[in-house]
Amino acid sequence: MRHLQILFYICVTTFLFSCKEKESLKIAGSETMNSMFRYLAAEYEESHSSIKVTVEGGGSESGIDRLRKGEIDLAISSRDLNQAEFDDLRKTGNLDKVRVAYDGVAIVVNPSNPVAKLHLSQISDILSGTAKNWKEVGGSDAPIQLVIRNDKSGTQDYIENHILRQKDLSPADFEKHKSRNFSPTAKIVKDNAEMAKFISENPNAVGYMGMGSAVIDNKDKLKSLEYAKRPNDPYVTPSIKNVYERKYRLSRELFVVYKTDQGGKIDEFITFITGEQGQALILKSGYLRASLPEVEVNATVEQPK
């Protein structure tokens, strides 16, 4: 009887423990960073069984706004905060921003499109609607179907300034084109999945997305074009290696934004994604890590004499 009581106690305790509600860690924002953070979340839950990590998209601006409202624990953003966003967030608590990775932005088309490369001015003309036919940029005689993200997208913000308005060419070019807007006939989509689906179903479509999404998540649906800043510059394929070596110039920093006074669960997750394990997972998911590997850091440290 004594043994049965002990066994019963063990079974009940195990059952109650397994039914205990997990602590939630909510993340939302950048569509570019969505697949990366889903991967990080799954790996994190493997070693932190008491935590349930949820990752949602919506765009960088949406994530920042939801963090300000207290709806999520961490905002992921494919662009830096502007001053107004920073000031608003600071009103709601102590704030920290961490660079976790680098990503390239890929210009993507349907795999059947014969165009293999474009330079900045050509892309700017496509985005603005100045170029309306693929034959104007070295392609077939077919109308260009432009697809873009909504205005909550960090990638959209980057493309608008650096390519559409030609900020990457020179201050003079940016001044000349700063009033350029996206073509009014462009199809607007909410996320990378919708963009990839549209382009894969339309031979004449062109769009853009984070390199990780393009070359990892949608590699069988899309073709990523080689890119050059100017017509006579080398055309470069978007890849981790080329971003790392600064050969592929359409690249930017990726951030996590959070309030520092919201508990240990956030601090532990930040430690994970910025540490060696998390950074290795970020590289594995198709993005360039923000920090050097530990072995590389150790190799560069001068030994005491």
C-alpha atoms as a PDB file:
ATOM      1  CA  MET A   1       0.000   0.000   0.000  1.00  0.00           C
ATOM      2  CA  ARG A   2       2.827   2.365   0.898  1.00  0.00           C
ATOM      3  CA  HIS A   3       4.419   1.820  -2.515  1.00  0.00           C
ATOM      4  CA  LEU A   4       1.108   2.491  -4.249  1.00  0.00           C
ATOM      5  CA  GLN A   5       0.708   5.783  -2.382  1.00  0.00           C
ATOM      6  CA  ILE A   6       4.194   6.897  -3.398  1.00  0.00           C
ATOM      7  CA  LEU A   7       3.550   5.897  -7.006  1.00  0.00           C
ATOM      8  CA  PHE A   8       0.239   7.784  -6.976  1.00  0.00           C
ATOM      9  CA  TYR A   9       1.951  10.879  -5.561  1.00  0.00           C
ATOM     10  CA  ILE A  10       4.645  10.760  -8.251  1.00  0.00           C
ATOM     11  CA  CYS A  11       2.068  10.397 -11.018  1.00  0.00           C
ATOM     12  CA  VAL A  12      -0.060  13.275  -9.742  1.00  0.00           C
ATOM     13  CA  THR A  13       2.988  15.533  -9.281  1.00  0.00           C
ATOM     14  CA  THR A  14       4.258  14.738 -12.783  1.00  0.00           C
ATOM     15  CA  PHE A  15       0.823  15.401 -14.267  1.00  0.00           C
ATOM     16  CA  LEU A  16       0.443  18.743 -12.498  1.00  0.00           C
ATOM     17  CA  PHE A  17       3.946  19.817 -13.501  1.00  0.00           C
ATOM     18  CA  SER A  18       3.315  18.916 -17.141  1.00  0.00           C
ATOM     19  CA  CYS A  19       0.072  20.891 -17.113  1.00  0.00           C
ATOM     20  CA  LYS A  20       1.694  23.983 -15.670  1.00  0.00           C
ATOM     21  CA  GLU A  21       1.181  26.903 -18.031  1.00  0.00           C
ATOM     22  CA  LYS A  22       4.354  27.996 -19.767  1.00  0.00           C
ATOM     23  CA  GLU A  23       5.619  31.557 -19.444  1.00  0.00           C
ATOM     24  CA  SER A  24       5.047  33.473 -22.663  1.00  0.00           C
ATOM     25  CA  LEU A  25       7.628  35.498 -24.578  1.00  0.00           C
ATOM     26  CA  LYS A  26       6.018  37.491 -27.382  1.00  0.00           C
ATOM     27  CA  ILE A  27       7.991  38.801 -30.371  1.00  0.00           C
ATOM     28  CA  ALA A  28       6.667  40.701 -33.401  1.00  0.00           C
ATOM     29  CA  GLY A  29       7.765  43.003 -36.192  1.00  0.00           C
ATOM     30  CA  SER A  30      10.012  42.648 -39.225  1.00  0.00           C
ATOM     31  CA  GLU A  31       8.923  40.169 -41.892  1.00  0.00           C
ATOM     32  CA  THR A  32      12.570  39.961 -42.967  1.00  0.00           C
ATOM     33  CA  MET A  33      13.514  38.637 -39.523  1.00  0.00           C
ATOM     34  CA  ASN A  34      10.439  36.431 -39.062  1.00  0.00           C
ATOM     35  CA  SER A  35      11.845  33.121 -40.271  1.00  0.00           C
ATOM     36  CA  MET A  36      15.125  33.737 -38.428  1.00  0.00           C
ATOM     37  CA  PHE A  37      13.336  34.303 -35.128  1.00  0.00           C
ATOM     38  CA  ARG A  38      10.994  31.351 -35.581  1.00  0.00           C
ATOM     39  CA  TYR A  39      14.093  29.219 -35.937  1.00  0.00           C
ATOM     40  CA  LEU A  40      15.730  30.827 -32.889  1.00  0.00           C
ATOM     41  CA  ALA A  41      12.498  30.416 -30.892  1.00  0.00           C
ATOM     42  CA  ALA A  42      12.251  26.693 -31.667  1.00  0.00           C
ATOM     43  CA  GLU A  43      15.862  26.113 -30.633  1.00  0.00           C
ATOM     44  CA  TYR A  44      15.449  28.220 -27.487  1.00  0.00           C
ATOM     45  CA  GLU A  45      12.374  26.252 -26.373  1.00  0.00           C
ATOM     46  CA  GLU A  46      14.379  23.029 -26.637  1.00  0.00           C
ATOM     47  CA  SER A  47      16.560  24.104 -23.707  1.00  0.00           C
ATOM     48  CA  HIS A  48      13.972  26.289 -21.921  1.00  0.00           C
ATOM     49  CA  SER A  49      10.933  24.072 -21.507  1.00  0.00           C
ATOM     50  CA  SER A  50       9.123  26.549 -19.257  1.00  0.00           C
ATOM     51  CA  ILE A  51       9.049  29.260 -21.969  1.00  0.00           C
ATOM     52  CA  LYS A  52       6.721  29.488 -24.965  1.00  0.00           C
ATOM     53  CA  VAL A  53       8.058  31.882 -27.609  1.00  0.00           C
ATOM     54  CA  THR A  54       5.617  33.268 -30.176  1.00  0.00           C
ATOM     55  CA  VAL A  55       6.839  35.150 -33.249  1.00  0.00           C
ATOM     56  CA  GLU A  56       4.563  37.290 -35.421  1.00  0.00           C
ATOM     57  CA  GLY A  57       5.200  39.544 -38.413  1.00  0.00           C
ATOM     58  CA  GLY A  58       3.430  42.720 -39.418  1.00  0.00           C
ATOM     59  CA  GLY A  59       6.478  44.788 -40.324  1.00  0.00           C
ATOM     60  CA  SER A  60       9.099  46.717 -38.360  1.00  0.00           C
ATOM     61  CA  GLU A  61       6.868  49.715 -37.675  1.00  0.00           C
ATOM     62  CA  SER A  62       4.076  47.472 -36.416  1.00  0.00           C
ATOM     63  CA  GLY A  63       6.452  45.706 -34.024  1.00  0.00           C
ATOM     64  CA  ILE A  64       7.768  48.987 -32.625  1.00  0.00           C
ATOM     65  CA  ASP A  65       4.211  50.271 -32.157  1.00  0.00           C
ATOM     66  CA  ARG A  66       3.113  47.068 -30.391  1.00  0.00           C
ATOM     67  CA  LEU A  67       6.117  47.269 -28.059  1.00  0.00           C
ATOM     68  CA  ARG A  68       5.161  50.832 -27.166  1.00  0.00           C
ATOM     69  CA  LYS A  69       1.613  49.648 -26.352  1.00  0.00           C
ATOM     70  CA  GLY A  70       2.932  46.815 -24.172  1.00  0.00           C
ATOM     71  CA  GLU A  71       1.448  44.077 -26.368  1.00  0.00           C
ATOM     72  CA  ILE A  72       4.757  42.261 -26.934  1.00  0.00           C
ATOM     73  CA  ASP A  73       8.054  41.699 -25.133  1.00  0.00           C
ATOM     74  CA  LEU A  74      10.457  42.302 -28.021  1.00  0.00           C
ATOM     75  CA  ALA A  75      10.181  44.164 -31.319  1.00  0.00           C
ATOM     76  CA  ILE A  76      12.292  43.003 -34.252  1.00  0.00           C
ATOM     77  CA  SER A  77      13.187  45.656 -36.806  1.00  0.00           C
ATOM     78  CA  SER A  78      15.053  45.614 -40.117  1.00  0.00           C
ATOM     79  CA  ARG A  79      15.779  49.328 -39.741  1.00  0.00           C
ATOM     80  CA  ASP A  80      16.990  51.604 -36.989  1.00  0.00           C
ATOM     81  CA  LEU A  81      14.525  53.548 -34.850  1.00  0.00           C
ATOM     82  CA  ASN A  82      13.773  57.097 -35.877  1.00  0.00           C
ATOM     83  CA  GLN A  83      13.927  59.801 -33.198  1.00  0.00           C
ATOM     84  CA  ALA A  84      10.141  60.030 -32.739  1.00  0.00           C
ATOM     85  CA  GLU A  85       9.865  56.270 -32.171  1.00  0.00           C
ATOM     86  CA  PHE A  86      12.785  56.316 -29.744  1.00  0.00           C
ATOM     87  CA  ASP A  87      11.272  59.176 -27.744  1.00  0.00           C
ATOM     88  CA  ASP A  88       7.835  57.518 -27.591  1.00  0.00           C
ATOM     89  CA  LEU A  89       9.287  54.219 -26.421  1.00  0.00           C
ATOM     90  CA  ARG A  90      11.413  55.888 -23.752  1.00  0.00           C
ATOM     91  CA  LYS A  91       8.229  57.325 -22.227  1.00  0.00           C
ATOM     92  CA  THR A  92       6.994  53.794 -21.486  1.00  0.00           C
ATOM     93  CA  GLY A  93      10.138  52.443 -19.782  1.00  0.00           C
ATOM     94  CA  ASN A  94      13.884  51.956 -20.031  1.00  0.00           C
ATOM     95  CA  LEU A  95      14.830  50.997 -23.551  1.00  0.00           C
ATOM     96  CA  ASP A  96      17.574  48.985 -25.166  1.00  0.00           C
ATOM     97  CA  LYS A  97      18.344  48.237 -28.802  1.00  0.00           C
ATOM     98  CA  VAL A  98      20.641  45.401 -29.862  1.00  0.00           C
ATOM     99  CA  ARG A  99      22.050  44.675 -33.307  1.00  0.00           C
ATOM    100  CA  VAL A 100      21.676  40.918 -33.790  1.00  0.00           C
ATOM    101  CA  ALA A 101      22.501  40.368 -37.478  1.00  0.00           C
ATOM    102  CA  TYR A 102      23.123  41.822 -40.904  1.00  0.00           C
ATOM    103  CA  ASP A 103      21.049  41.072 -43.972  1.00  0.00           C
ATOM    104  CA  GLY A 104      21.199  41.816 -47.659  1.00  0.00           C
ATOM    105  CA  VAL A 105      18.150  42.968 -49.612  1.00  0.00           C
ATOM    106  CA  ALA A 106      17.579  40.903 -52.747  1.00  0.00           C
ATOM    107  CA  ILE A 107      15.838  42.111 -55.899  1.00  0.00           C
ATOM    108  CA  VAL A 108      13.717  39.137 -56.950  1.00  0.00           C
ATOM    109  CA  VAL A 109      11.928  38.071 -60.126  1.00  0.00           C
ATOM    110  CA  ASN A 110      10.184  35.012 -61.514  1.00  0.00           C
ATOM    111  CA  PRO A 111      12.695  32.233 -62.353  1.00  0.00           C
ATOM    112  CA  SER A 112      11.597  32.357 -66.010  1.00  0.00           C
ATOM    113  CA  ASN A 113      12.624  36.014 -66.373  1.00  0.00           C
ATOM    114  CA  PRO A 114      15.761  36.242 -68.578  1.00  0.00           C
ATOM    115  CA  VAL A 115      17.045  39.346 -66.749  1.00  0.00           C
ATOM    116  CA  ALA A 116      19.963  38.333 -64.509  1.00  0.00           C
ATOM    117  CA  LYS A 117      21.282  41.665 -63.247  1.00  0.00           C
ATOM    118  CA  LEU A 118      20.278  45.270 -62.618  1.00  0.00           C
ATOM    119  CA  HIS A 119      22.078  48.380 -61.424  1.00  0.00           C
ATOM    120  CA  LEU A 120      20.714  50.952 -58.989  1.00  0.00           C
ATOM    121  CA  SER A 121      19.352  53.492 -61.499  1.00  0.00           C
ATOM    122  CA  GLN A 122      17.524  50.753 -63.402  1.00  0.00           C
ATOM    123  CA  ILE A 123      15.892  49.494 -60.208  1.00  0.00           C
ATOM    124  CA  SER A 124      14.966  53.047 -59.232  1.00  0.00           C
ATOM    125  CA  ASP A 125      13.264  53.525 -62.596  1.00  0.00           C
ATOM    126  CA  ILE A 126      11.356  50.256 -62.155  1.00  0.00           C
ATOM    127  CA  LEU A 127      10.236  51.188 -58.648  1.00  0.00           C
ATOM    128  CA  SER A 128       9.030  54.639 -59.712  1.00  0.00           C
ATOM    129  CA  GLY A 129       7.261  53.353 -62.834  1.00  0.00           C
ATOM    130  CA  THR A 130       9.591  55.294 -65.138  1.00  0.00           C
ATOM    131  CA  ALA A 131      10.622  51.971 -66.697  1.00  0.00           C
ATOM    132  CA  LYS A 132       7.443  50.131 -67.696  1.00  0.00           C
ATOM    133  CA  ASN A 133       8.727  47.362 -69.969  1.00  0.00           C
ATOM    134  CA  TRP A 134      11.414  44.738 -69.349  1.00  0.00           C
ATOM    135  CA  LYS A 135      13.059  45.546 -72.695  1.00  0.00           C
ATOM    136  CA  GLU A 136      14.070  48.940 -71.206  1.00  0.00           C
ATOM    137  CA  VAL A 137      16.408  47.138 -68.769  1.00  0.00           C
ATOM    138  CA  GLY A 138      17.689  44.382 -71.058  1.00  0.00           C
ATOM    139  CA  GLY A 139      14.801  41.948 -70.838  1.00  0.00           C
ATOM    140  CA  SER A 140      11.995  40.711 -73.052  1.00  0.00           C
ATOM    141  CA  ASP A 141       9.258  42.868 -74.558  1.00  0.00           C
ATOM    142  CA  ALA A 142       6.817  42.489 -71.663  1.00  0.00           C
ATOM    143  CA  PRO A 143       5.190  44.864 -69.150  1.00  0.00           C
ATOM    144  CA  ILE A 144       6.854  45.110 -65.741  1.00  0.00           C
ATOM    145  CA  GLN A 145       4.614  44.097 -62.830  1.00  0.00           C
ATOM    146  CA  LEU A 146       5.981  45.755 -59.702  1.00  0.00           C
ATOM    147  CA  VAL A 147       5.068  44.385 -56.277  1.00  0.00           C
ATOM    148  CA  ILE A 148       6.042  46.228 -53.082  1.00  0.00           C
ATOM    149  CA  ARG A 149       5.531  45.941 -49.317  1.00  0.00           C
ATOM    150  CA  ASN A 150       3.241  48.154 -47.247  1.00  0.00           C
ATOM    151  CA  ASP A 151       4.482  51.243 -45.418  1.00  0.00           C
ATOM    152  CA  LYS A 152       4.992  49.354 -42.128  1.00  0.00           C
ATOM    153  CA  SER A 153       7.891  47.404 -43.632  1.00  0.00           C
ATOM    154  CA  GLY A 154      11.476  48.193 -42.674  1.00  0.00           C
ATOM    155  CA  THR A 155      12.643  46.753 -45.990  1.00  0.00           C
ATOM    156  CA  GLN A 156      10.240  49.080 -47.791  1.00  0.00           C
ATOM    157  CA  ASP A 157      11.709  52.049 -45.913  1.00  0.00           C
ATOM    158  CA  TYR A 158      15.247  50.974 -46.823  1.00  0.00           C
ATOM    159  CA  ILE A 159      14.455  50.461 -50.508  1.00  0.00           C
ATOM    160  CA  GLU A 160      12.555  53.747 -50.716  1.00  0.00           C
ATOM    161  CA  ASN A 161      15.501  55.834 -49.568  1.00  0.00           C
ATOM    162  CA  HIS A 162      18.567  53.902 -50.691  1.00  0.00           C
ATOM    163  CA  ILE A 163      17.358  52.748 -54.127  1.00  0.00           C
ATOM    164  CA  LEU A 164      14.175  54.528 -55.251  1.00  0.00           C
ATOM    165  CA  ARG A 165      15.519  57.949 -54.186  1.00  0.00           C
ATOM    166  CA  GLN A 166      19.117  56.929 -54.990  1.00  0.00           C
ATOM    167  CA  LYS A 167      20.680  57.760 -51.627  1.00  0.00           C
ATOM    168  CA  ASP A 168      23.355  55.120 -52.219  1.00  0.00           C
ATOM    169  CA  LEU A 169      24.646  56.895 -55.336  1.00  0.00           C
ATOM    170  CA  SER A 170      25.476  60.284 -53.850  1.00  0.00           C
ATOM    171  CA  PRO A 171      24.007  63.173 -51.815  1.00  0.00           C
ATOM    172  CA  ALA A 172      23.431  65.028 -55.090  1.00  0.00           C
ATOM    173  CA  ASP A 173      21.457  62.122 -56.570  1.00  0.00           C
ATOM    174  CA  PHE A 174      19.425  61.807 -53.377  1.00  0.00           C
ATOM    175  CA  GLU A 175      18.610  65.523 -53.446  1.00  0.00           C
ATOM    176  CA  LYS A 176      17.560  65.251 -57.081  1.00  0.00           C
ATOM    177  CA  HIS A 177      15.302  62.240 -56.527  1.00  0.00           C
ATOM    178  CA  LYS A 178      14.107  62.751 -52.934  1.00  0.00           C
ATOM    179  CA  SER A 179      10.534  63.362 -54.059  1.00  0.00           C
ATOM    180  CA  ARG A 180      10.384  60.135 -56.094  1.00  0.00           C
ATOM    181  CA  ASN A 181       7.583  57.796 -55.045  1.00  0.00           C
ATOM    182  CA  PHE A 182       6.738  54.191 -55.782  1.00  0.00           C
ATOM    183  CA  SER A 183       4.714  53.608 -58.934  1.00  0.00           C
ATOM    184  CA  PRO A 184       0.979  54.106 -58.291  1.00  0.00           C
ATOM    185  CA  THR A 185       0.293  50.907 -60.242  1.00  0.00           C
ATOM    186  CA  ALA A 186       2.459  48.730 -57.940  1.00  0.00           C
ATOM    187  CA  LYS A 187       0.742  45.848 -56.183  1.00  0.00           C
ATOM    188  CA  ILE A 188       1.073  46.189 -52.402  1.00  0.00           C
ATOM    189  CA  VAL A 189       1.437  43.059 -50.260  1.00  0.00           C
ATOM    190  CA  LYS A 190       1.562  42.568 -46.496  1.00  0.00           C
ATOM    191  CA  ASP A 191       4.471  40.135 -46.162  1.00  0.00           C
ATOM    192  CA  ASN A 192       7.206  38.152 -47.909  1.00  0.00           C
ATOM    193  CA  ALA A 193       5.028  35.057 -48.322  1.00  0.00           C
ATOM    194  CA  GLU A 194       2.433  37.025 -50.299  1.00  0.00           C
ATOM    195  CA  MET A 195       5.162  38.670 -52.380  1.00  0.00           C
ATOM    196  CA  ALA A 196       6.833  35.348 -53.171  1.00  0.00           C
ATOM    197  CA  LYS A 197       3.509  33.801 -54.179  1.00  0.00           C
ATOM    198  CA  PHE A 198       2.638  36.695 -56.491  1.00  0.00           C
ATOM    199  CA  ILE A 199       6.040  36.742 -58.212  1.00  0.00           C
ATOM    200  CA  SER A 200       6.147  32.952 -58.598  1.00  0.00           C
ATOM    201  CA  GLU A 201       2.748  33.081 -60.359  1.00  0.00           C
ATOM    202  CA  ASN A 202       3.518  36.110 -62.578  1.00  0.00           C
ATOM    203  CA  PRO A 203       6.438  35.797 -65.055  1.00  0.00           C
ATOM    204  CA  ASN A 204       6.815  39.583 -65.417  1.00  0.00           C
ATOM    205  CA  ALA A 205       6.708  40.481 -61.715  1.00  0.00           C
ATOM    206  CA  VAL A 206       9.579  42.005 -59.732  1.00  0.00           C
ATOM    207  CA  GLY A 207       9.934  42.819 -56.044  1.00  0.00           C
ATOM    208  CA  TYR A 208      12.378  42.753 -53.165  1.00  0.00           C
ATOM    209  CA  MET A 209      12.852  41.085 -49.794  1.00  0.00           C
ATOM    210  CA  GLY A 210      15.473  40.259 -47.200  1.00  0.00           C
ATOM    211  CA  MET A 211      18.208  38.009 -48.536  1.00  0.00           C
ATOM    212  CA  GLY A 212      17.460  35.251 -46.021  1.00  0.00           C
ATOM    213  CA  SER A 213      13.841  35.090 -47.178  1.00  0.00           C
ATOM    214  CA  ALA A 214      14.845  35.152 -50.827  1.00  0.00           C
ATOM    215  CA  VAL A 215      17.703  32.641 -50.945  1.00  0.00           C
ATOM    216  CA  ILE A 216      16.617  30.328 -48.107  1.00  0.00           C
ATOM    217  CA  ASP A 217      12.825  30.380 -47.669  1.00  0.00           C
ATOM    218  CA  ASN A 218      11.884  30.990 -51.312  1.00  0.00           C
ATOM    219  CA  LYS A 219      14.870  29.723 -53.274  1.00  0.00           C
ATOM    220  CA  ASP A 220      12.673  27.439 -55.424  1.00  0.00           C
ATOM    221  CA  LYS A 221      10.088  30.146 -56.155  1.00  0.00           C
ATOM    222  CA  LEU A 222      12.216  33.191 -56.948  1.00  0.00           C
ATOM    223  CA  LYS A 223      15.369  34.280 -58.741  1.00  0.00           C
ATOM    224  CA  SER A 224      17.611  36.780 -56.971  1.00  0.00           C
ATOM    225  CA  LEU A 225      19.287  39.239 -59.330  1.00  0.00           C
ATOM    226  CA  GLU A 226      22.923  40.314 -59.326  1.00  0.00           C
ATOM    227  CA  TYR A 227      23.286  43.949 -58.292  1.00  0.00           C
ATOM    228  CA  ALA A 228      25.666  46.817 -58.995  1.00  0.00           C
ATOM    229  CA  LYS A 229      25.576  50.402 -57.786  1.00  0.00           C
ATOM    230  CA  ARG A 230      26.643  51.789 -61.184  1.00  0.00           C
ATOM    231  CA  PRO A 231      26.542  50.250 -64.685  1.00  0.00           C
ATOM    232  CA  ASN A 232      30.329  49.739 -64.873  1.00  0.00           C
ATOM    233  CA  ASP A 233      30.687  48.302 -61.345  1.00  0.00           C
ATOM    234  CA  PRO A 234      30.970  44.521 -60.798  1.00  0.00           C
ATOM    235  CA  TYR A 235      27.578  42.828 -60.530  1.00  0.00           C
ATOM    236  CA  VAL A 236      27.367  40.775 -57.326  1.00  0.00           C
ATOM    237  CA  THR A 237      25.075  37.946 -56.188  1.00  0.00           C
ATOM    238  CA  PRO A 238      23.338  38.351 -52.813  1.00  0.00           C
ATOM    239  CA  SER A 239      24.951  35.875 -50.400  1.00  0.00           C
ATOM    240  CA  ILE A 240      26.230  35.756 -46.815  1.00  0.00           C
ATOM    241  CA  LYS A 241      29.806  35.667 -48.066  1.00  0.00           C
ATOM    242  CA  ASN A 242      29.344  38.694 -50.314  1.00  0.00           C
ATOM    243  CA  VAL A 243      27.611  40.698 -47.589  1.00  0.00           C
ATOM    244  CA  TYR A 244      30.370  39.779 -45.133  1.00  0.00           C
ATOM    245  CA  GLU A 245      33.078  40.845 -47.592  1.00  0.00           C
ATOM    246  CA  ARG A 246      31.155  44.077 -48.326  1.00  0.00           C
ATOM    247  CA  LYS A 247      30.894  43.171 -52.004  1.00  0.00           C
ATOM    248  CA  TYR A 248      27.107  43.074 -52.024  1.00  0.00           C
ATOM    249  CA  ARG A 249      26.160  46.626 -51.116  1.00  0.00           C
ATOM    250  CA  LEU A 250      22.412  46.269 -50.541  1.00  0.00           C
ATOM    251  CA  SER A 251      22.797  45.340 -46.880  1.00  0.00           C
ATOM    252  CA  ARG A 252      21.621  46.671 -43.511  1.00  0.00           C
ATOM    253  CA  GLU A 253      21.608  46.002 -39.778  1.00  0.00           C
ATOM    254  CA  LEU A 254      18.859  44.024 -38.051  1.00  0.00           C
ATOM    255  CA  PHE A 255      17.779  44.984 -34.531  1.00  0.00           C
ATOM    256  CA  VAL A 256      15.914  43.776 -31.478  1.00  0.00           C
ATOM    257  CA  VAL A 257      14.280  46.481 -29.353  1.00  0.00           C
ATOM    258  CA  TYR A 258      13.006  45.823 -25.823  1.00  0.00           C
ATOM    259  CA  LYS A 259      12.313  47.373 -22.435  1.00  0.00           C
ATOM    260  CA  THR A 260      14.977  46.491 -19.894  1.00  0.00           C
ATOM    261  CA  ASP A 261      12.740  46.403 -16.814  1.00  0.00           C
ATOM    262  CA  GLN A 262      10.340  43.653 -17.883  1.00  0.00           C
ATOM    263  CA  GLY A 263      11.860  40.609 -16.186  1.00  0.00           C
ATOM    264  CA  GLY A 264      14.538  37.971 -16.489  1.00  0.00           C
ATOM    265  CA  LYS A 265      12.888  36.017 -19.317  1.00  0.00           C
ATOM    266  CA  ILE A 266      13.756  38.817 -21.754  1.00  0.00           C
ATOM    267  CA  ASP A 267      17.327  39.168 -20.509  1.00  0.00           C
ATOM    268  CA  GLU A 268      17.883  35.410 -20.860  1.00  0.00           C
ATOM    269  CA  PHE A 269      16.578  35.367 -24.425  1.00  0.00           C
ATOM    270  CA  ILE A 270      18.740  38.366 -25.398  1.00  0.00           C
ATOM    271  CA  THR A 271      21.769  36.613 -23.899  1.00  0.00           C
ATOM    272  CA  PHE A 272      20.922  33.532 -25.976  1.00  0.00           C
ATOM    273  CA  ILE A 273      20.542  35.292 -29.352  1.00  0.00           C
ATOM    274  CA  THR A 274      23.620  37.485 -28.895  1.00  0.00           C
ATOM    275  CA  GLY A 275      25.764  34.635 -27.554  1.00  0.00           C
ATOM    276  CA  GLU A 276      27.725  32.108 -29.561  1.00  0.00           C
ATOM    277  CA  GLN A 277      24.882  29.569 -29.871  1.00  0.00           C
ATOM    278  CA  GLY A 278      22.337  32.122 -31.049  1.00  0.00           C
ATOM    279  CA  GLN A 279      24.740  33.817 -33.454  1.00  0.00           C
ATOM    280  CA  ALA A 280      25.663  30.453 -34.978  1.00  0.00           C
ATOM    281  CA  LEU A 281      21.949  29.729 -35.478  1.00  0.00           C
ATOM    282  CA  ILE A 282      21.463  33.136 -37.125  1.00  0.00           C
ATOM    283  CA  LEU A 283      24.236  32.309 -39.605  1.00  0.00           C
ATOM    284  CA  LYS A 284      22.689  28.891 -40.226  1.00  0.00           C
ATOM    285  CA  SER A 285      19.312  30.483 -40.967  1.00  0.00           C
ATOM    286  CA  GLY A 286      20.767  32.519 -43.837  1.00  0.00           C
ATOM    287  CA  TYR A 287      21.818  35.799 -42.231  1.00  0.00           C
ATOM    288  CA  LEU A 288      25.173  37.322 -41.360  1.00  0.00           C
ATOM    289  CA  ARG A 289      25.885  37.169 -37.631  1.00  0.00           C
ATOM    290  CA  ALA A 290      26.475  40.424 -35.770  1.00  0.00           C
ATOM    291  CA  SER A 291      29.493  39.170 -33.824  1.00  0.00           C
ATOM    292  CA  LEU A 292      32.626  37.236 -34.674  1.00  0.00           C
ATOM    293  CA  PRO A 293      32.768  33.559 -33.661  1.00  0.00           C
ATOM    294  CA  GLU A 294      34.461  32.969 -30.302  1.00  0.00           C
ATOM    295  CA  VAL A 295      37.306  31.103 -31.960  1.00  0.00           C
ATOM    296  CA  GLU A 296      37.933  34.092 -34.243  1.00  0.00           C
ATOM    297  CA  VAL A 297      37.814  36.529 -31.339  1.00  0.00           C
ATOM    298  CA  ASN A 298      40.249  34.423 -29.334  1.00  0.00           C
ATOM    299  CA  ALA A 299      42.598  34.232 -32.287  1.00  0.00           C
ATOM    300  CA  THR A 300      42.763  38.009 -32.554  1.00  0.00           C
ATOM    301  CA  VAL A 301      43.442  38.652 -28.883  1.00  0.00           C
ATOM    302  CA  GLU A 302      47.123  39.366 -28.280  1.00  0.00           C
ATOM    303  CA  GLN A 303      48.571  36.952 -25.774  1.00  0.00           C
ATOM    304  CA  PRO A 304      50.353  38.502 -22.747  1.00  0.00           C
ATOM    305  CA  LYS A 305      54.148  38.336 -22.909  1.00  0.00           C
END
